[in-house]
Amino acid sequence: MADRRLQVFHTVARLLSFTKAAETLHMTQPAVTFQVRQLEEHFNTRLFDRTHNRISLTEAGHCVFQYADRIFDLYSEMENAVREMTGDISGVVMIGASTTIAEYMLPALLGDFRQKYPEVNVRLKVSNTEGIVHMVENNGIDLGVVEAPVLNKNLVVDVCRMDHLVAIVPKNHPLAGQKKVKIAELLKHPYICREEGSGTREVIAEYLNACNININEVSICMELGSPEAVKGAVEAGMGVSIVSRATINKELQLGTLVALTLDPNLERPFSFVHQKQKFRHRAMDELLDFAQKYCLTHQDM
């Protein structure tokens, strides 16, 4: 319903980038530029200053942006009010999740949500924690689910559940007969870690720091971009690692990996993160409420 030109302008003004706006809106950059020029022609004035590949809002642009904020807030409020009256829950919700959560936690949750709300189309983007937080900050997604602390105080962060991390070694490893291992003893062996930006890597780095272990002195033999790659490398005898307990159920049943409790113990929060918006689509509110309740009743997922 809202003027498409105004939506495009608002996204460009918020991100101060035609390229980022095109990515967020799933449009081509020429199409974004055309919509903004159409709005400038409507008002017969420039809304952006464009210099040296950078843009900034003109005085008129600031005025339009402030009114656009109010218009879209009212629009969301109107939609929610009508949907509340009619009981209609539909629409598209963009959700993003870090790799571990997307692969091992969300499939069952989103499947159950779809059964309850078949008219809601949930689209999932997968990245590491750093990438997901960036998408939430730029309104590229409505809701993020991450596996590391979020430092941006302008975002709402709700802990979903606690996740336990354990050491993993191949079945024929010298440590395989132990149930618990001290972190210093584990790190005497070649260590396989996740990539930069990974929530798992960040949490483990903080854990090592608390144990007075300098991560730069750890013998890192490989850096890999997914839990599956890490598990495969450990199974092949290339090193040891630390992963979420939730990711290794299959390997433990097959006997291809051995899990050891860390000493001291290590756990982290899985958290929902979203913007502090006063008005949101009801479909997103329903998904957030459903996911929070799901986490409480499925602590073993």
C-alpha atoms as a PDB file:
ATOM      1  CA  MET A   1       0.000   0.000   0.000  1.00  0.00           C
ATOM      2  CA  ALA A   2       2.724   2.486   0.908  1.00  0.00           C
ATOM      3  CA  ASP A   3       4.241   4.440  -2.027  1.00  0.00           C
ATOM      4  CA  ARG A   4       7.023   2.281  -3.489  1.00  0.00           C
ATOM      5  CA  ARG A   5       9.121   5.360  -4.272  1.00  0.00           C
ATOM      6  CA  LEU A   6       8.955   6.388  -0.623  1.00  0.00           C
ATOM      7  CA  GLN A   7       9.897   2.890   0.562  1.00  0.00           C
ATOM      8  CA  VAL A   8      12.936   2.840  -1.691  1.00  0.00           C
ATOM      9  CA  PHE A   9      13.966   6.364  -0.684  1.00  0.00           C
ATOM     10  CA  HIS A  10      13.584   5.504   3.008  1.00  0.00           C
ATOM     11  CA  THR A  11      15.842   2.443   2.639  1.00  0.00           C
ATOM     12  CA  VAL A  12      18.527   4.398   0.771  1.00  0.00           C
ATOM     13  CA  ALA A  13      18.366   7.227   3.328  1.00  0.00           C
ATOM     14  CA  ARG A  14      18.650   4.817   6.243  1.00  0.00           C
ATOM     15  CA  LEU A  15      21.625   2.932   4.775  1.00  0.00           C
ATOM     16  CA  LEU A  16      23.127   5.916   2.901  1.00  0.00           C
ATOM     17  CA  SER A  17      23.960   3.547   0.085  1.00  0.00           C
ATOM     18  CA  PHE A  18      22.190   2.735  -3.191  1.00  0.00           C
ATOM     19  CA  THR A  19      24.080  -0.570  -3.372  1.00  0.00           C
ATOM     20  CA  LYS A  20      23.089  -1.732   0.114  1.00  0.00           C
ATOM     21  CA  ALA A  21      19.506  -0.568  -0.452  1.00  0.00           C
ATOM     22  CA  ALA A  22      19.328  -2.621  -3.651  1.00  0.00           C
ATOM     23  CA  GLU A  23      20.543  -5.720  -1.785  1.00  0.00           C
ATOM     24  CA  THR A  24      18.075  -5.158   1.077  1.00  0.00           C
ATOM     25  CA  LEU A  25      15.125  -4.594  -1.272  1.00  0.00           C
ATOM     26  CA  HIS A  26      16.136  -7.380  -3.691  1.00  0.00           C
ATOM     27  CA  MET A  27      16.209  -4.856  -6.548  1.00  0.00           C
ATOM     28  CA  THR A  28      18.816  -3.860  -9.095  1.00  0.00           C
ATOM     29  CA  GLN A  29      20.750  -0.679  -8.372  1.00  0.00           C
ATOM     30  CA  PRO A  30      19.433   1.087 -11.517  1.00  0.00           C
ATOM     31  CA  ALA A  31      15.871   0.322 -10.365  1.00  0.00           C
ATOM     32  CA  VAL A  32      16.591   1.856  -6.940  1.00  0.00           C
ATOM     33  CA  THR A  33      18.129   4.939  -8.569  1.00  0.00           C
ATOM     34  CA  PHE A  34      15.090   5.287 -10.844  1.00  0.00           C
ATOM     35  CA  GLN A  35      12.628   5.178  -7.936  1.00  0.00           C
ATOM     36  CA  VAL A  36      14.571   7.842  -6.023  1.00  0.00           C
ATOM     37  CA  ARG A  37      14.750  10.087  -9.101  1.00  0.00           C
ATOM     38  CA  GLN A  38      10.995   9.680  -9.578  1.00  0.00           C
ATOM     39  CA  LEU A  39      10.454  10.939  -6.019  1.00  0.00           C
ATOM     40  CA  GLU A  40      12.878  13.826  -6.550  1.00  0.00           C
ATOM     41  CA  GLU A  41      10.959  14.781  -9.691  1.00  0.00           C
ATOM     42  CA  HIS A  42       7.706  14.622  -7.708  1.00  0.00           C
ATOM     43  CA  PHE A  43       9.045  17.107  -5.150  1.00  0.00           C
ATOM     44  CA  ASN A  44      11.039  19.018  -7.788  1.00  0.00           C
ATOM     45  CA  THR A  45      14.153  19.007  -5.596  1.00  0.00           C
ATOM     46  CA  ARG A  46      17.207  16.894  -4.838  1.00  0.00           C
ATOM     47  CA  LEU A  47      16.873  14.591  -1.825  1.00  0.00           C
ATOM     48  CA  PHE A  48      20.501  13.391  -1.843  1.00  0.00           C
ATOM     49  CA  ASP A  49      23.848  15.036  -2.405  1.00  0.00           C
ATOM     50  CA  ARG A  50      26.095  12.716  -4.403  1.00  0.00           C
ATOM     51  CA  THR A  51      29.854  13.353  -4.193  1.00  0.00           C
ATOM     52  CA  HIS A  52      32.863  11.034  -4.638  1.00  0.00           C
ATOM     53  CA  ASN A  53      30.833   7.804  -4.407  1.00  0.00           C
ATOM     54  CA  ARG A  54      29.241   8.963  -1.160  1.00  0.00           C
ATOM     55  CA  ILE A  55      25.727  10.247  -0.568  1.00  0.00           C
ATOM     56  CA  SER A  56      24.148  12.398   2.118  1.00  0.00           C
ATOM     57  CA  LEU A  57      20.666  13.765   2.672  1.00  0.00           C
ATOM     58  CA  THR A  58      19.859  17.289   1.619  1.00  0.00           C
ATOM     59  CA  GLU A  59      17.717  19.469   3.877  1.00  0.00           C
ATOM     60  CA  ALA A  60      14.659  18.409   1.892  1.00  0.00           C
ATOM     61  CA  GLY A  61      15.829  14.797   2.114  1.00  0.00           C
ATOM     62  CA  HIS A  62      15.982  14.995   5.910  1.00  0.00           C
ATOM     63  CA  CYS A  63      12.437  16.374   5.940  1.00  0.00           C
ATOM     64  CA  VAL A  64      11.095  13.575   3.710  1.00  0.00           C
ATOM     65  CA  PHE A  65      12.944  10.929   5.744  1.00  0.00           C
ATOM     66  CA  GLN A  66      11.397  12.120   9.027  1.00  0.00           C
ATOM     67  CA  TYR A  67       7.885  12.080   7.544  1.00  0.00           C
ATOM     68  CA  ALA A  68       8.523   8.684   5.929  1.00  0.00           C
ATOM     69  CA  ASP A  69       9.442   7.272   9.363  1.00  0.00           C
ATOM     70  CA  ARG A  70       6.125   8.472  10.753  1.00  0.00           C
ATOM     71  CA  ILE A  71       4.187   7.212   7.731  1.00  0.00           C
ATOM     72  CA  PHE A  72       5.631   3.695   7.944  1.00  0.00           C
ATOM     73  CA  ASP A  73       5.045   3.548  11.714  1.00  0.00           C
ATOM     74  CA  LEU A  74       1.402   4.485  11.155  1.00  0.00           C
ATOM     75  CA  TYR A  75       1.138   2.016   8.291  1.00  0.00           C
ATOM     76  CA  SER A  76       2.441  -0.818  10.498  1.00  0.00           C
ATOM     77  CA  GLU A  77       0.132   0.223  13.314  1.00  0.00           C
ATOM     78  CA  MET A  78      -2.842   0.184  10.930  1.00  0.00           C
ATOM     79  CA  GLU A  79      -1.942  -3.252   9.558  1.00  0.00           C
ATOM     80  CA  ASN A  80      -1.547  -4.722  13.030  1.00  0.00           C
ATOM     81  CA  ALA A  81      -4.825  -3.178  14.217  1.00  0.00           C
ATOM     82  CA  VAL A  82      -6.789  -4.613  11.281  1.00  0.00           C
ATOM     83  CA  ARG A  83      -5.133  -8.042  11.533  1.00  0.00           C
ATOM     84  CA  GLU A  84      -5.901  -8.056  15.266  1.00  0.00           C
ATOM     85  CA  MET A  85      -9.580  -7.445  14.459  1.00  0.00           C
ATOM     86  CA  THR A  86      -9.772 -10.055  11.705  1.00  0.00           C
ATOM     87  CA  GLY A  87      -7.496 -12.643  13.310  1.00  0.00           C
ATOM     88  CA  ASP A  88      -5.493 -12.795  10.075  1.00  0.00           C
ATOM     89  CA  ILE A  89      -1.858 -13.844  10.490  1.00  0.00           C
ATOM     90  CA  SER A  90      -0.068 -13.866   7.155  1.00  0.00           C
ATOM     91  CA  GLY A  91       2.778 -12.256   5.282  1.00  0.00           C
ATOM     92  CA  VAL A  92       6.517 -12.695   4.885  1.00  0.00           C
ATOM     93  CA  VAL A  93       8.988 -12.803   7.793  1.00  0.00           C
ATOM     94  CA  MET A  94      12.706 -12.623   7.089  1.00  0.00           C
ATOM     95  CA  ILE A  95      14.704 -14.545   9.684  1.00  0.00           C
ATOM     96  CA  GLY A  96      18.460 -14.998   9.864  1.00  0.00           C
ATOM     97  CA  ALA A  97      20.443 -17.531  11.852  1.00  0.00           C
ATOM     98  CA  SER A  98      24.046 -18.383  12.463  1.00  0.00           C
ATOM     99  CA  THR A  99      25.173 -21.683  10.976  1.00  0.00           C
ATOM    100  CA  THR A 100      24.881 -23.952  14.021  1.00  0.00           C
ATOM    101  CA  ILE A 101      21.365 -22.736  14.833  1.00  0.00           C
ATOM    102  CA  ALA A 102      20.170 -22.879  11.213  1.00  0.00           C
ATOM    103  CA  GLU A 103      21.365 -26.447  10.750  1.00  0.00           C
ATOM    104  CA  TYR A 104      20.431 -28.025  14.083  1.00  0.00           C
ATOM    105  CA  MET A 105      17.775 -25.947  15.852  1.00  0.00           C
ATOM    106  CA  LEU A 106      15.556 -24.137  13.357  1.00  0.00           C
ATOM    107  CA  PRO A 107      14.338 -26.856  10.945  1.00  0.00           C
ATOM    108  CA  ALA A 108      12.029 -28.486  13.522  1.00  0.00           C
ATOM    109  CA  LEU A 109      10.953 -25.139  15.008  1.00  0.00           C
ATOM    110  CA  LEU A 110      10.058 -23.596  11.642  1.00  0.00           C
ATOM    111  CA  GLY A 111       8.340 -26.796  10.535  1.00  0.00           C
ATOM    112  CA  ASP A 112       6.040 -26.700  13.570  1.00  0.00           C
ATOM    113  CA  PHE A 113       5.442 -22.971  13.081  1.00  0.00           C
ATOM    114  CA  ARG A 114       4.453 -23.533   9.443  1.00  0.00           C
ATOM    115  CA  GLN A 115       1.889 -26.143  10.499  1.00  0.00           C
ATOM    116  CA  LYS A 116       0.279 -23.657  12.887  1.00  0.00           C
ATOM    117  CA  TYR A 117       0.510 -20.621  10.581  1.00  0.00           C
ATOM    118  CA  PRO A 118       0.465 -21.883   6.973  1.00  0.00           C
ATOM    119  CA  GLU A 119      -0.202 -18.377   5.597  1.00  0.00           C
ATOM    120  CA  VAL A 120       3.091 -17.016   6.946  1.00  0.00           C
ATOM    121  CA  ASN A 121       6.028 -17.352   4.561  1.00  0.00           C
ATOM    122  CA  VAL A 122       9.279 -17.550   6.560  1.00  0.00           C
ATOM    123  CA  ARG A 123      12.444 -16.886   4.571  1.00  0.00           C
ATOM    124  CA  LEU A 124      15.731 -17.928   6.162  1.00  0.00           C
ATOM    125  CA  LYS A 125      19.180 -16.452   5.581  1.00  0.00           C
ATOM    126  CA  VAL A 126      22.249 -18.215   6.996  1.00  0.00           C
ATOM    127  CA  SER A 127      25.475 -16.495   7.990  1.00  0.00           C
ATOM    128  CA  ASN A 128      27.819 -16.350  10.952  1.00  0.00           C
ATOM    129  CA  THR A 129      26.829 -14.338  14.041  1.00  0.00           C
ATOM    130  CA  GLU A 130      28.608 -11.208  12.851  1.00  0.00           C
ATOM    131  CA  GLY A 131      26.754 -11.324   9.540  1.00  0.00           C
ATOM    132  CA  ILE A 132      23.354 -11.906  11.165  1.00  0.00           C
ATOM    133  CA  VAL A 133      23.751  -8.965  13.565  1.00  0.00           C
ATOM    134  CA  HIS A 134      24.755  -6.775  10.604  1.00  0.00           C
ATOM    135  CA  MET A 135      21.583  -7.819   8.735  1.00  0.00           C
ATOM    136  CA  VAL A 136      19.409  -6.954  11.745  1.00  0.00           C
ATOM    137  CA  GLU A 137      21.116  -3.573  12.134  1.00  0.00           C
ATOM    138  CA  ASN A 138      20.429  -2.762   8.472  1.00  0.00           C
ATOM    139  CA  ASN A 139      16.865  -4.148   8.507  1.00  0.00           C
ATOM    140  CA  GLY A 140      17.856  -6.815   6.012  1.00  0.00           C
ATOM    141  CA  ILE A 141      16.009  -9.323   8.205  1.00  0.00           C
ATOM    142  CA  ASP A 142      13.211  -9.009  10.775  1.00  0.00           C
ATOM    143  CA  LEU A 143      14.627 -11.422  13.352  1.00  0.00           C
ATOM    144  CA  GLY A 144      18.028 -12.942  13.991  1.00  0.00           C
ATOM    145  CA  VAL A 145      18.964 -15.981  16.056  1.00  0.00           C
ATOM    146  CA  VAL A 146      22.601 -15.948  17.137  1.00  0.00           C
ATOM    147  CA  GLU A 147      25.039 -17.952  19.229  1.00  0.00           C
ATOM    148  CA  ALA A 148      27.222 -15.232  20.742  1.00  0.00           C
ATOM    149  CA  PRO A 149      26.712 -12.054  22.810  1.00  0.00           C
ATOM    150  CA  VAL A 150      25.438  -9.005  20.891  1.00  0.00           C
ATOM    151  CA  LEU A 151      27.196  -5.743  21.744  1.00  0.00           C
ATOM    152  CA  ASN A 152      24.845  -3.315  19.974  1.00  0.00           C
ATOM    153  CA  LYS A 153      22.746  -1.775  22.767  1.00  0.00           C
ATOM    154  CA  ASN A 154      20.235  -0.423  20.236  1.00  0.00           C
ATOM    155  CA  LEU A 155      19.017  -3.957  19.486  1.00  0.00           C
ATOM    156  CA  VAL A 156      16.688  -6.097  21.590  1.00  0.00           C
ATOM    157  CA  VAL A 157      18.328  -9.366  22.670  1.00  0.00           C
ATOM    158  CA  ASP A 158      16.267 -12.158  24.288  1.00  0.00           C
ATOM    159  CA  VAL A 159      17.991 -15.360  25.413  1.00  0.00           C
ATOM    160  CA  CYS A 160      16.243 -18.401  23.941  1.00  0.00           C
ATOM    161  CA  ARG A 161      18.139 -21.225  25.659  1.00  0.00           C
ATOM    162  CA  MET A 162      21.589 -22.160  26.929  1.00  0.00           C
ATOM    163  CA  ASP A 163      23.795 -24.289  24.716  1.00  0.00           C
ATOM    164  CA  HIS A 164      26.507 -26.591  26.109  1.00  0.00           C
ATOM    165  CA  LEU A 165      29.808 -26.862  24.272  1.00  0.00           C
ATOM    166  CA  VAL A 166      31.991 -29.955  24.509  1.00  0.00           C
ATOM    167  CA  ALA A 167      35.365 -31.139  23.277  1.00  0.00           C
ATOM    168  CA  ILE A 168      35.308 -33.696  20.455  1.00  0.00           C
ATOM    169  CA  VAL A 169      38.028 -36.186  19.514  1.00  0.00           C
ATOM    170  CA  PRO A 170      38.114 -39.158  17.124  1.00  0.00           C
ATOM    171  CA  LYS A 171      37.269 -42.555  18.623  1.00  0.00           C
ATOM    172  CA  ASN A 172      40.911 -43.762  18.586  1.00  0.00           C
ATOM    173  CA  HIS A 173      42.350 -40.581  20.153  1.00  0.00           C
ATOM    174  CA  PRO A 174      44.454 -40.789  23.371  1.00  0.00           C
ATOM    175  CA  LEU A 175      41.824 -38.672  25.174  1.00  0.00           C
ATOM    176  CA  ALA A 176      38.879 -40.790  23.993  1.00  0.00           C
ATOM    177  CA  GLY A 177      38.735 -42.855  27.181  1.00  0.00           C
ATOM    178  CA  GLN A 178      38.124 -39.808  29.391  1.00  0.00           C
ATOM    179  CA  LYS A 179      34.732 -38.310  30.267  1.00  0.00           C
ATOM    180  CA  LYS A 180      36.142 -34.893  31.183  1.00  0.00           C
ATOM    181  CA  VAL A 181      39.185 -32.976  29.972  1.00  0.00           C
ATOM    182  CA  LYS A 182      40.931 -29.864  31.204  1.00  0.00           C
ATOM    183  CA  ILE A 183      41.112 -27.238  28.493  1.00  0.00           C
ATOM    184  CA  ALA A 184      44.913 -26.940  28.808  1.00  0.00           C
ATOM    185  CA  GLU A 185      45.265 -30.707  28.247  1.00  0.00           C
ATOM    186  CA  LEU A 186      42.967 -30.629  25.197  1.00  0.00           C
ATOM    187  CA  LEU A 187      44.968 -27.829  23.591  1.00  0.00           C
ATOM    188  CA  LYS A 188      48.179 -29.857  23.708  1.00  0.00           C
ATOM    189  CA  HIS A 189      46.765 -31.478  20.551  1.00  0.00           C
ATOM    190  CA  PRO A 190      46.316 -29.825  17.120  1.00  0.00           C
ATOM    191  CA  TYR A 191      43.157 -27.711  17.317  1.00  0.00           C
ATOM    192  CA  ILE A 192      40.521 -27.169  14.617  1.00  0.00           C
ATOM    193  CA  CYS A 193      38.525 -23.935  14.943  1.00  0.00           C
ATOM    194  CA  ARG A 194      35.747 -22.031  13.189  1.00  0.00           C
ATOM    195  CA  GLU A 195      36.303 -19.030  10.919  1.00  0.00           C
ATOM    196  CA  GLU A 196      36.629 -15.372  11.952  1.00  0.00           C
ATOM    197  CA  GLY A 197      33.191 -13.895  12.677  1.00  0.00           C
ATOM    198  CA  SER A 198      31.805 -17.193  13.958  1.00  0.00           C
ATOM    199  CA  GLY A 199      29.872 -16.967  17.224  1.00  0.00           C
ATOM    200  CA  THR A 200      31.336 -20.305  18.310  1.00  0.00           C
ATOM    201  CA  ARG A 201      34.870 -19.024  17.771  1.00  0.00           C
ATOM    202  CA  GLU A 202      34.133 -15.802  19.655  1.00  0.00           C
ATOM    203  CA  VAL A 203      32.665 -17.629  22.665  1.00  0.00           C
ATOM    204  CA  ILE A 204      35.588 -20.063  22.800  1.00  0.00           C
ATOM    205  CA  ALA A 205      38.100 -17.187  22.592  1.00  0.00           C
ATOM    206  CA  GLU A 206      36.438 -15.515  25.591  1.00  0.00           C
ATOM    207  CA  TYR A 207      36.453 -18.843  27.447  1.00  0.00           C
ATOM    208  CA  LEU A 208      40.172 -19.333  26.799  1.00  0.00           C
ATOM    209  CA  ASN A 209      40.894 -15.795  27.922  1.00  0.00           C
ATOM    210  CA  ALA A 210      39.016 -16.469  31.188  1.00  0.00           C
ATOM    211  CA  CYS A 211      41.199 -19.575  31.614  1.00  0.00           C
ATOM    212  CA  ASN A 212      44.335 -17.428  31.121  1.00  0.00           C
ATOM    213  CA  ILE A 213      45.110 -19.075  27.796  1.00  0.00           C
ATOM    214  CA  ASN A 214      46.268 -16.878  24.908  1.00  0.00           C
ATOM    215  CA  ILE A 215      44.442 -18.023  21.775  1.00  0.00           C
ATOM    216  CA  ASN A 216      47.407 -16.839  19.681  1.00  0.00           C
ATOM    217  CA  GLU A 217      49.507 -19.518  21.388  1.00  0.00           C
ATOM    218  CA  VAL A 218      47.057 -22.313  20.573  1.00  0.00           C
ATOM    219  CA  SER A 219      48.248 -24.760  17.914  1.00  0.00           C
ATOM    220  CA  ILE A 220      45.496 -24.124  15.343  1.00  0.00           C
ATOM    221  CA  CYS A 221      45.878 -26.553  12.451  1.00  0.00           C
ATOM    222  CA  MET A 222      42.709 -25.648  10.514  1.00  0.00           C
ATOM    223  CA  GLU A 223      40.021 -22.943  10.306  1.00  0.00           C
ATOM    224  CA  LEU A 224      36.721 -24.194   8.853  1.00  0.00           C
ATOM    225  CA  GLY A 225      33.431 -22.511   7.992  1.00  0.00           C
ATOM    226  CA  SER A 226      30.788 -24.905   9.320  1.00  0.00           C
ATOM    227  CA  PRO A 227      30.125 -27.449  12.106  1.00  0.00           C
ATOM    228  CA  GLU A 228      29.914 -30.231   9.512  1.00  0.00           C
ATOM    229  CA  ALA A 229      33.380 -29.415   8.173  1.00  0.00           C
ATOM    230  CA  VAL A 230      34.821 -29.298  11.709  1.00  0.00           C
ATOM    231  CA  LYS A 231      33.286 -32.671  12.617  1.00  0.00           C
ATOM    232  CA  GLY A 232      34.544 -34.252   9.402  1.00  0.00           C
ATOM    233  CA  ALA A 233      38.096 -33.056  10.045  1.00  0.00           C
ATOM    234  CA  VAL A 234      38.050 -34.379  13.620  1.00  0.00           C
ATOM    235  CA  GLU A 235      36.637 -37.730  12.452  1.00  0.00           C
ATOM    236  CA  ALA A 236      39.515 -37.923   9.963  1.00  0.00           C
ATOM    237  CA  GLY A 237      42.007 -37.568  12.816  1.00  0.00           C
ATOM    238  CA  MET A 238      43.281 -34.141  11.801  1.00  0.00           C
ATOM    239  CA  GLY A 239      42.832 -32.578  15.242  1.00  0.00           C
ATOM    240  CA  VAL A 240      40.471 -31.909  18.145  1.00  0.00           C
ATOM    241  CA  SER A 241      37.820 -29.232  18.490  1.00  0.00           C
ATOM    242  CA  ILE A 242      35.071 -27.693  20.615  1.00  0.00           C
ATOM    243  CA  VAL A 243      31.492 -27.696  19.292  1.00  0.00           C
ATOM    244  CA  SER A 244      27.895 -27.419  20.413  1.00  0.00           C
ATOM    245  CA  ARG A 245      26.625 -30.618  22.023  1.00  0.00           C
ATOM    246  CA  ALA A 246      23.502 -30.260  19.875  1.00  0.00           C
ATOM    247  CA  THR A 247      25.500 -30.782  16.659  1.00  0.00           C
ATOM    248  CA  ILE A 248      26.962 -34.232  17.356  1.00  0.00           C
ATOM    249  CA  ASN A 249      24.017 -36.514  18.207  1.00  0.00           C
ATOM    250  CA  LYS A 250      24.391 -38.532  14.988  1.00  0.00           C
ATOM    251  CA  GLU A 251      28.166 -38.940  15.351  1.00  0.00           C
ATOM    252  CA  LEU A 252      27.837 -40.069  18.978  1.00  0.00           C
ATOM    253  CA  GLN A 253      25.237 -42.685  17.996  1.00  0.00           C
ATOM    254  CA  LEU A 254      27.468 -43.957  15.174  1.00  0.00           C
ATOM    255  CA  GLY A 255      30.530 -43.934  17.430  1.00  0.00           C
ATOM    256  CA  THR A 256      32.637 -41.848  15.025  1.00  0.00           C
ATOM    257  CA  LEU A 257      33.290 -39.113  17.592  1.00  0.00           C
ATOM    258  CA  VAL A 258      33.784 -38.999  21.342  1.00  0.00           C
ATOM    259  CA  ALA A 259      32.512 -36.030  23.385  1.00  0.00           C
ATOM    260  CA  LEU A 260      34.346 -34.867  26.498  1.00  0.00           C
ATOM    261  CA  THR A 261      32.977 -32.441  29.087  1.00  0.00           C
ATOM    262  CA  LEU A 262      35.251 -29.422  29.367  1.00  0.00           C
ATOM    263  CA  ASP A 263      36.858 -28.459  32.669  1.00  0.00           C
ATOM    264  CA  PRO A 264      35.866 -25.768  33.424  1.00  0.00           C
ATOM    265  CA  ASN A 265      32.399 -26.161  31.891  1.00  0.00           C
ATOM    266  CA  LEU A 266      31.495 -24.051  28.832  1.00  0.00           C
ATOM    267  CA  GLU A 267      28.033 -22.870  27.768  1.00  0.00           C
ATOM    268  CA  ARG A 268      26.635 -19.953  25.793  1.00  0.00           C
ATOM    269  CA  PRO A 269      23.255 -18.395  25.073  1.00  0.00           C
ATOM    270  CA  PHE A 270      21.282 -18.835  21.874  1.00  0.00           C
ATOM    271  CA  SER A 271      19.500 -15.485  21.519  1.00  0.00           C
ATOM    272  CA  PHE A 272      16.843 -13.746  19.452  1.00  0.00           C
ATOM    273  CA  VAL A 273      17.866 -10.285  18.250  1.00  0.00           C
ATOM    274  CA  HIS A 274      15.714  -7.644  16.560  1.00  0.00           C
ATOM    275  CA  GLN A 275      15.230  -3.920  16.180  1.00  0.00           C
ATOM    276  CA  LYS A 276      13.513  -1.827  18.878  1.00  0.00           C
ATOM    277  CA  GLN A 277      10.562  -1.091  16.633  1.00  0.00           C
ATOM    278  CA  LYS A 278       7.375   0.131  18.247  1.00  0.00           C
ATOM    279  CA  PHE A 279       5.213  -1.446  15.560  1.00  0.00           C
ATOM    280  CA  ARG A 280       5.946  -4.734  13.795  1.00  0.00           C
ATOM    281  CA  HIS A 281       4.041  -7.038  11.505  1.00  0.00           C
ATOM    282  CA  ARG A 282       1.893  -9.384  13.547  1.00  0.00           C
ATOM    283  CA  ALA A 283       3.399 -12.366  11.746  1.00  0.00           C
ATOM    284  CA  MET A 284       6.818 -11.499  13.180  1.00  0.00           C
ATOM    285  CA  ASP A 285       5.387 -11.080  16.688  1.00  0.00           C
ATOM    286  CA  GLU A 286       3.715 -14.481  16.393  1.00  0.00           C
ATOM    287  CA  LEU A 287       6.947 -16.100  15.173  1.00  0.00           C
ATOM    288  CA  LEU A 288       8.968 -14.557  18.021  1.00  0.00           C
ATOM    289  CA  ASP A 289       6.399 -15.623  20.618  1.00  0.00           C
ATOM    290  CA  PHE A 290       6.174 -19.141  19.118  1.00  0.00           C
ATOM    291  CA  ALA A 291       9.965 -19.528  19.046  1.00  0.00           C
ATOM    292  CA  GLN A 292      10.388 -18.384  22.656  1.00  0.00           C
ATOM    293  CA  LYS A 293       7.783 -20.884  23.861  1.00  0.00           C
ATOM    294  CA  TYR A 294       9.267 -23.603  21.657  1.00  0.00           C
ATOM    295  CA  CYS A 295      12.693 -23.118  23.222  1.00  0.00           C
ATOM    296  CA  LEU A 296      11.230 -23.517  26.705  1.00  0.00           C
ATOM    297  CA  THR A 297       9.538 -26.794  25.837  1.00  0.00           C
ATOM    298  CA  HIS A 298      12.331 -28.239  23.668  1.00  0.00           C
ATOM    299  CA  GLN A 299      15.465 -27.722  25.745  1.00  0.00           C
ATOM    300  CA  ASP A 300      16.993 -30.863  24.250  1.00  0.00           C
ATOM    301  CA  MET A 301      16.878 -29.677  20.637  1.00  0.00           C
END
